[in-house]
Amino acid sequence: MESTQILLRPLISEKTTLMKQNANQVAFLVHPAANKIDVQRAVEDVFGVQVTAVNMVRYRPRVRTKFGRAAGKIRGYKKAYVTLAPGASIDFFEGV
């Protein structure tokens, strides 16, 4: 799998912004078949930074219910929390 296929998109929220400032961590939505080594290589190739650690979280697909009935599906996805080396940073919004 290529680096551009592994990293689907960065996750930008209040929580991930605080993680980026305090712990030098960045969150990505990744391909469900990717593992920690694939994500580490992809981040290092695409952004040119040193990666210290990668933590993965998998969310399983589930059925959303309302009043005991199936009301819709929530797709499963996989997130990766990437810890960058001290002094390294990734800027998603340049010039803003």
Protein backbone atom coordinates (compact mmCIF):
# COMPACT_ATOMS: atom_id res chain seq x y z
CA MET A 1 0.00 0.00 0.00
CA GLU A 2 1.28 3.50 -0.81
CA SER A 3 1.68 6.27 1.75
CA THR A 4 -1.16 8.28 0.24
CA GLN A 5 -3.53 5.32 0.58
CA ILE A 6 -2.66 4.69 4.24
CA LEU A 7 -3.30 8.23 5.54
CA LEU A 8 -6.88 9.09 4.59
CA ARG A 9 -7.16 12.48 6.33
CA PRO A 10 -6.00 14.33 9.43
CA LEU A 11 -8.45 14.69 12.29
CA ILE A 12 -8.87 18.31 13.39
CA SER A 13 -10.89 18.96 16.56
CA GLU A 14 -10.49 20.69 19.89
CA LYS A 15 -9.06 17.54 21.45
CA THR A 16 -6.51 16.94 18.70
CA THR A 17 -5.48 20.61 18.71
CA LEU A 18 -4.74 20.42 22.44
CA MET A 19 -2.87 17.14 21.92
CA LYS A 20 -0.77 18.80 19.23
CA GLN A 21 0.13 21.71 21.51
CA ASN A 22 0.70 19.79 24.76
CA ALA A 23 1.99 16.34 23.79
CA ASN A 24 3.22 16.93 20.21
CA GLN A 25 0.74 14.33 18.89
CA VAL A 26 -1.24 14.38 15.64
CA ALA A 27 -4.33 12.27 14.83
CA PHE A 28 -5.10 10.71 11.44
CA LEU A 29 -7.93 8.65 10.01
CA VAL A 30 -6.13 5.67 8.45
CA HIS A 31 -6.90 2.71 6.20
CA PRO A 32 -8.50 -0.16 8.18
CA ALA A 33 -5.82 -2.63 7.06
CA ALA A 34 -2.88 -0.40 8.04
CA ASN A 35 -0.69 -1.25 11.03
CA LYS A 36 1.59 0.89 13.21
CA ILE A 37 4.67 0.38 11.05
CA ASP A 38 2.78 1.36 7.88
CA VAL A 39 1.45 4.53 9.52
CA GLN A 40 4.89 5.49 10.86
CA ARG A 41 6.52 5.09 7.44
CA ALA A 42 3.69 6.97 5.71
CA VAL A 43 3.91 9.98 8.07
CA GLU A 44 7.70 10.09 7.76
CA ASP A 45 7.50 9.88 3.94
CA VAL A 46 4.67 12.36 3.38
CA PHE A 47 5.54 15.03 5.96
CA GLY A 48 9.29 14.45 6.39
CA VAL A 49 9.24 14.35 10.21
CA GLN A 50 10.62 11.92 12.79
CA VAL A 51 7.97 9.75 14.49
CA THR A 52 8.50 8.53 18.06
CA ALA A 53 5.38 6.39 18.65
CA VAL A 54 2.09 5.39 17.04
CA ASN A 55 -1.09 4.38 18.91
CA MET A 56 -4.04 2.91 17.03
CA VAL A 57 -7.76 2.86 17.88
CA ARG A 58 -10.34 0.86 15.96
CA TYR A 59 -14.04 1.73 16.05
CA ARG A 60 -16.27 -1.14 15.00
CA PRO A 61 -19.32 -0.56 12.81
CA ARG A 62 -22.61 -0.52 14.67
CA VAL A 63 -26.31 -0.01 14.18
CA ARG A 64 -27.83 3.15 15.65
CA THR A 65 -31.17 2.57 17.31
CA LYS A 66 -34.01 4.90 18.16
CA PHE A 67 -36.91 3.73 20.32
CA GLY A 68 -35.69 0.12 19.99
CA ARG A 69 -35.64 0.13 16.20
CA ALA A 70 -32.73 0.30 13.81
CA ALA A 71 -32.44 3.91 12.65
CA GLY A 72 -29.20 3.77 10.69
CA LYS A 73 -25.66 2.49 10.46
CA ILE A 74 -22.46 4.02 11.76
CA ARG A 75 -19.47 3.00 9.68
CA GLY A 76 -16.38 1.60 11.33
CA TYR A 77 -13.07 3.44 11.09
CA LYS A 78 -9.52 3.40 12.41
CA LYS A 79 -7.61 6.29 14.00
CA ALA A 80 -3.89 6.68 14.58
CA TYR A 81 -2.37 8.96 17.20
CA VAL A 82 1.16 9.78 16.05
CA THR A 83 3.70 11.17 18.53
CA LEU A 84 6.31 13.32 16.83
CA ALA A 85 9.92 13.74 17.90
CA PRO A 86 10.77 16.82 20.01
CA GLY A 87 11.09 19.86 17.76
CA ALA A 88 9.16 18.30 14.85
CA SER A 89 5.76 19.64 13.81
CA ILE A 90 3.18 19.24 11.06
CA ASP A 91 1.25 22.32 9.88
CA PHE A 92 -2.06 21.50 8.23
CA PHE A 93 -3.09 25.13 7.72
CA GLU A 94 -0.17 27.07 6.30
CA GLY A 95 -0.58 30.80 5.82
CA VAL A 96 -3.85 31.09 7.74
